[in-house]
Amino acid sequence: MSFAPEWLALREQADADARSTELLDLLEPLGETRLNRTPLVLRDLGCGTGSMGRWLGARLGGTPHWVLHDRDPRLLALAGASMTAGSVETREGDLTALRAEDFEGTSLVTASALLDLLTRDELNDLAAACVSAGVPALFTLSVTGEIEFETAEALDAEFEAAFNAHQRRVADGRRLLGPDAVAAAAEAFADTEVHTRPSPWRLGDGQKALAAEWLRGWVGAAVEQEPGLAAEAPAYLRRRLADGPHVLVGHTDLLAIPRTT
């Protein structure tokens, strides 16, 4: 699955505002065993246009070496050009094929808005690779399925349930995790020290363009999953767009740190 650069650009500031900085604080005690090692190698999976790298690089400092993974060569090119600190290499291909040996020498594996797009087996394989390589992993902005509008409507629950079912759909023979991703990741990383923090989008007057685009996609996916909602969708969408919308979109960040013996 690939995403338009325009959509990724539209959501970048909301993503940056939502990600948990508390989880970064938990990485500091790793000291020279991980993040202060030389060279600092950061491997970003499903990097898109590089927004995770821009957010993380500004907070970690130094001159890291970035290894950016994505299956879309257009996005890889944009991401590679955006990394101004340190060095960069790009890897085009299917990130679900990565194994422990691919993470050799990596200081930190990162990804953003990725886990809910994986199947349980794919997530288990990714976790096993990180654990076997002894590398910490930071996964941000996994959807939780929770939506909270400032002004509630009776139809909200129906659209939410349909959208969440769509997130768990079978796509090309793959059963996606959707809102179950964080729980599945905590289970997959059970042999590590797992920390989670909420990282919701809080969309209001300052993010009208993003809120409107998100709402259209949310309603559209719900109708695709439950065609019976099609009759209600146009009027519902108009009301919600007229309201801003002001909405909280649930996400969770997860950090898995290898246990020391």
Protein backbone atom coordinates (compact mmCIF):
# COMPACT_ATOMS: atom_id res chain seq x y z
CA MET A 1 0.00 0.00 0.00
CA SER A 2 1.30 3.43 -0.96
CA PHE A 3 0.13 6.94 -0.13
CA ALA A 4 0.12 10.19 -2.07
CA PRO A 5 2.87 12.64 -1.09
CA GLU A 6 0.21 15.34 -0.78
CA TRP A 7 -1.64 13.37 1.91
CA LEU A 8 1.59 12.69 3.80
CA ALA A 9 2.51 16.39 3.67
CA LEU A 10 -0.96 17.37 4.88
CA ARG A 11 -0.74 15.16 7.95
CA GLU A 12 2.91 15.74 8.87
CA GLN A 13 2.38 18.51 11.44
CA ALA A 14 -0.50 16.66 13.13
CA ASP A 15 1.70 13.55 13.29
CA ALA A 16 4.55 15.53 14.81
CA ASP A 17 2.26 17.10 17.40
CA ALA A 18 0.77 13.73 18.33
CA ARG A 19 3.84 11.50 18.73
CA SER A 20 4.90 10.75 22.29
CA THR A 21 8.15 12.39 23.39
CA GLU A 22 7.92 10.43 26.65
CA LEU A 23 8.95 7.28 24.81
CA LEU A 24 12.08 9.01 23.54
CA ASP A 25 12.99 9.79 27.14
CA LEU A 26 12.84 6.07 27.89
CA LEU A 27 15.51 5.42 25.26
CA GLU A 28 18.09 7.61 27.00
CA PRO A 29 19.03 5.06 29.71
CA LEU A 30 20.26 2.75 26.94
CA GLY A 31 23.29 4.99 26.78
CA GLU A 32 26.34 3.77 24.91
CA THR A 33 24.82 0.33 24.42
CA ARG A 34 22.42 1.76 21.85
CA LEU A 35 21.59 5.33 20.96
CA ASN A 36 24.94 6.88 21.82
CA ARG A 37 26.89 4.32 19.89
CA THR A 38 28.99 5.42 16.92
CA PRO A 39 27.75 5.38 14.29
CA LEU A 40 24.11 5.95 15.19
CA VAL A 41 22.13 3.91 12.65
CA LEU A 42 18.40 4.60 12.40
CA ARG A 43 16.29 2.34 10.20
CA ASP A 44 12.89 3.77 9.21
CA LEU A 45 10.38 1.25 7.83
CA GLY A 46 7.71 2.46 5.43
CA CYS A 47 9.37 5.87 5.54
CA GLY A 48 7.02 7.66 3.13
CA THR A 49 8.39 11.14 2.50
CA GLY A 50 10.55 10.98 5.65
CA SER A 51 8.36 12.71 8.22
CA MET A 52 9.34 10.29 11.00
CA GLY A 53 12.99 10.93 10.26
CA ARG A 54 12.52 14.70 10.31
CA TRP A 55 10.68 14.48 13.65
CA LEU A 56 13.12 12.06 15.27
CA GLY A 57 16.28 13.60 13.86
CA ALA A 58 15.39 17.00 15.32
CA ARG A 59 15.12 15.42 18.77
CA LEU A 60 18.06 13.01 18.78
CA GLY A 61 20.58 15.41 17.27
CA GLY A 62 24.00 14.25 16.14
CA THR A 63 24.84 12.97 12.67
CA PRO A 64 22.99 9.67 12.31
CA HIS A 65 23.09 7.30 9.39
CA TRP A 66 19.57 6.77 8.06
CA VAL A 67 18.45 3.60 6.30
CA LEU A 68 15.08 4.36 4.73
CA HIS A 69 12.79 1.55 3.57
CA ASP A 70 9.75 1.91 1.34
CA ARG A 71 8.24 0.11 -1.63
CA ASP A 72 7.41 3.36 -3.44
CA PRO A 73 10.44 4.82 -5.27
CA ARG A 74 8.81 8.26 -5.51
CA LEU A 75 8.46 8.50 -1.75
CA LEU A 76 11.95 7.13 -1.17
CA ALA A 77 13.43 9.83 -3.36
CA LEU A 78 11.59 12.54 -1.45
CA ALA A 79 12.57 11.06 1.91
CA GLY A 80 16.23 10.69 0.99
CA ALA A 81 16.44 14.29 -0.17
CA SER A 82 14.84 15.58 3.06
CA MET A 83 17.46 14.20 5.47
CA THR A 84 19.90 17.06 5.94
CA ALA A 85 21.79 15.77 9.00
CA GLY A 86 24.03 12.73 8.74
CA SER A 87 24.05 10.29 5.86
CA VAL A 88 21.26 8.46 4.06
CA GLU A 89 20.75 5.28 2.11
CA THR A 90 17.45 4.10 0.65
CA ARG A 91 16.14 0.56 0.28
CA GLU A 92 13.26 -0.11 -2.08
CA GLY A 93 11.28 -3.27 -1.48
CA ASP A 94 8.87 -5.21 0.69
CA LEU A 95 9.68 -4.46 4.33
CA THR A 96 7.78 -7.57 5.47
CA ALA A 97 10.68 -9.61 4.07
CA LEU A 98 13.18 -8.10 6.52
CA ARG A 99 14.86 -10.48 8.95
CA ALA A 100 17.26 -10.21 11.90
CA GLU A 101 20.36 -10.12 9.72
CA ASP A 102 18.99 -7.04 7.95
CA PHE A 103 19.02 -5.19 11.27
CA GLU A 104 22.66 -5.95 12.11
CA GLY A 105 24.38 -2.80 13.34
CA THR A 106 21.07 -0.92 13.70
CA SER A 107 20.68 1.37 16.72
CA LEU A 108 16.91 1.85 16.45
CA VAL A 109 14.13 0.57 14.19
CA THR A 110 11.36 3.10 13.64
CA ALA A 111 8.07 3.27 11.77
CA SER A 112 5.05 5.55 11.72
CA ALA A 113 1.44 4.65 10.91
CA LEU A 114 2.57 1.21 9.80
CA LEU A 115 1.53 -1.57 12.18
CA ASP A 116 -2.20 -1.37 11.44
CA LEU A 117 -1.41 -2.09 7.77
CA LEU A 118 0.30 -5.39 8.60
CA THR A 119 -1.11 -8.86 9.17
CA ARG A 120 -0.52 -10.66 12.44
CA ASP A 121 2.05 -12.97 10.83
CA GLU A 122 3.90 -10.04 9.27
CA LEU A 123 3.99 -8.23 12.60
CA ASN A 124 5.18 -11.36 14.40
CA ASP A 125 7.99 -11.77 11.87
CA LEU A 126 9.02 -8.13 12.24
CA ALA A 127 9.04 -8.39 16.02
CA ALA A 128 11.05 -11.60 15.89
CA ALA A 129 13.63 -9.92 13.66
CA CYS A 130 13.99 -6.97 16.05
CA VAL A 131 14.22 -9.22 19.11
CA SER A 132 16.75 -11.56 17.49
CA ALA A 133 18.87 -8.59 16.45
CA GLY A 134 18.61 -7.08 19.94
CA VAL A 135 17.48 -3.72 18.56
CA PRO A 136 14.88 -1.41 20.14
CA ALA A 137 11.86 -0.51 18.03
CA LEU A 138 9.72 2.62 18.11
CA PHE A 139 6.36 2.40 16.30
CA THR A 140 4.27 5.56 16.34
CA LEU A 141 0.71 6.48 15.34
CA SER A 142 -0.95 3.08 15.15
CA VAL A 143 -4.71 3.58 14.87
CA THR A 144 -6.86 2.55 17.82
CA GLY A 145 -10.25 2.96 16.13
CA GLU A 146 -11.44 5.51 18.68
CA ILE A 147 -13.05 8.66 17.29
CA GLU A 148 -14.45 11.46 19.45
CA PHE A 149 -16.19 14.40 17.84
CA GLU A 150 -16.64 17.59 19.83
CA THR A 151 -20.37 17.35 19.13
CA ALA A 152 -21.72 13.79 19.09
CA GLU A 153 -24.27 12.41 16.61
CA ALA A 154 -26.27 9.20 16.74
CA LEU A 155 -24.66 8.01 13.49
CA ASP A 156 -21.09 8.40 14.75
CA ALA A 157 -20.99 4.91 16.26
CA GLU A 158 -22.22 3.27 13.05
CA PHE A 159 -19.63 4.98 10.88
CA GLU A 160 -16.90 4.26 13.44
CA ALA A 161 -17.77 0.55 13.58
CA ALA A 162 -17.89 0.29 9.78
CA PHE A 163 -14.57 2.10 9.39
CA ASN A 164 -12.89 -0.13 11.96
CA ALA A 165 -14.21 -3.22 10.18
CA HIS A 166 -12.74 -1.79 6.98
CA GLN A 167 -9.39 -1.40 8.73
CA ARG A 168 -9.54 -5.11 9.60
CA ARG A 169 -10.51 -6.13 6.06
CA VAL A 170 -8.88 -8.77 3.90
CA ALA A 171 -6.83 -6.98 1.23
CA ASP A 172 -5.13 -9.06 -1.49
CA GLY A 173 -5.51 -12.13 0.69
CA ARG A 174 -4.05 -10.39 3.77
CA ARG A 175 -6.12 -9.84 6.93
CA LEU A 176 -5.04 -6.41 8.18
CA LEU A 177 -4.68 -5.74 11.89
CA GLY A 178 -6.22 -2.27 11.89
CA PRO A 179 -7.17 -1.18 15.44
CA ASP A 180 -5.87 -4.50 16.83
CA ALA A 181 -2.29 -3.64 15.88
CA VAL A 182 -1.05 -2.27 19.21
CA ALA A 183 -2.35 -5.22 21.23
CA ALA A 184 -0.86 -7.59 18.67
CA ALA A 185 2.47 -5.76 18.81
CA ALA A 186 2.59 -5.90 22.61
CA GLU A 187 2.05 -9.65 22.36
CA ALA A 188 4.62 -10.05 19.59
CA PHE A 189 7.23 -8.14 21.61
CA ALA A 190 6.42 -9.97 24.85
CA ASP A 191 10.09 -10.89 25.33
CA THR A 192 11.04 -7.21 25.48
CA GLU A 193 10.23 -4.27 27.73
CA VAL A 194 7.13 -2.75 26.10
CA HIS A 195 5.88 0.79 26.71
CA THR A 196 2.86 2.47 25.12
CA ARG A 197 1.59 6.03 25.14
CA PRO A 198 -1.52 7.58 23.57
CA SER A 199 -0.79 9.79 20.56
CA PRO A 200 -4.13 11.07 19.26
CA TRP A 201 -4.62 13.60 16.54
CA ARG A 202 -6.51 16.60 17.97
CA LEU A 203 -7.97 18.25 14.90
CA GLY A 204 -9.60 21.64 15.13
CA ASP A 205 -9.53 25.09 13.60
CA GLY A 206 -5.80 24.93 12.91
CA GLN A 207 -6.06 21.71 10.87
CA LYS A 208 -9.22 22.26 8.82
CA ALA A 209 -7.78 20.95 5.55
CA LEU A 210 -6.47 17.77 7.20
CA ALA A 211 -9.68 17.28 9.20
CA ALA A 212 -11.81 17.57 6.06
CA GLU A 213 -9.63 15.19 4.05
CA TRP A 214 -9.51 12.70 6.93
CA LEU A 215 -13.31 12.88 7.34
CA ARG A 216 -13.98 12.23 3.66
CA GLY A 217 -11.70 9.20 3.75
CA TRP A 218 -13.19 7.95 7.02
CA VAL A 219 -16.76 8.17 5.73
CA GLY A 220 -15.80 6.73 2.35
CA ALA A 221 -14.13 3.69 3.89
CA ALA A 222 -17.11 3.14 6.19
CA VAL A 223 -19.51 3.17 3.22
CA GLU A 224 -17.25 0.83 1.26
CA GLN A 225 -17.42 -1.61 4.16
CA GLU A 226 -21.14 -1.11 4.89
CA PRO A 227 -22.99 -0.02 1.72
CA GLY A 228 -26.15 0.40 3.78
CA LEU A 229 -24.64 3.63 5.12
CA ALA A 230 -24.50 5.17 1.64
CA ALA A 231 -27.93 6.80 1.92
CA GLU A 232 -26.97 8.59 5.14
CA ALA A 233 -23.40 9.46 4.15
CA PRO A 234 -23.86 12.66 2.07
CA ALA A 235 -25.94 14.50 4.67
CA TYR A 236 -23.77 13.18 7.52
CA LEU A 237 -20.62 14.34 5.72
CA ARG A 238 -22.09 17.80 5.08
CA ARG A 239 -23.02 18.22 8.73
CA ARG A 240 -19.62 17.11 9.92
CA LEU A 241 -17.76 19.33 7.45
CA ALA A 242 -19.86 22.28 8.54
CA ASP A 243 -18.78 21.53 12.12
CA GLY A 244 -15.10 21.89 11.26
CA PRO A 245 -14.82 19.08 12.12
CA HIS A 246 -13.38 19.17 15.62
CA VAL A 247 -12.36 15.61 16.37
CA LEU A 248 -9.95 13.43 18.33
CA VAL A 249 -8.57 10.54 16.24
CA GLY A 250 -7.08 7.81 18.41
CA HIS A 251 -3.54 6.52 17.92
CA THR A 252 -1.01 4.80 20.17
CA ASP A 253 2.81 4.81 20.12
CA LEU A 254 4.75 1.72 21.20
CA LEU A 255 8.38 1.29 22.22
CA ALA A 256 9.95 -2.16 22.60
CA ILE A 257 13.34 -2.28 24.34
CA PRO A 258 15.38 -5.51 24.49
CA ARG A 259 15.77 -6.89 27.99
CA THR A 260 19.28 -6.94 29.42
CA THR A 261 20.63 -10.01 31.19
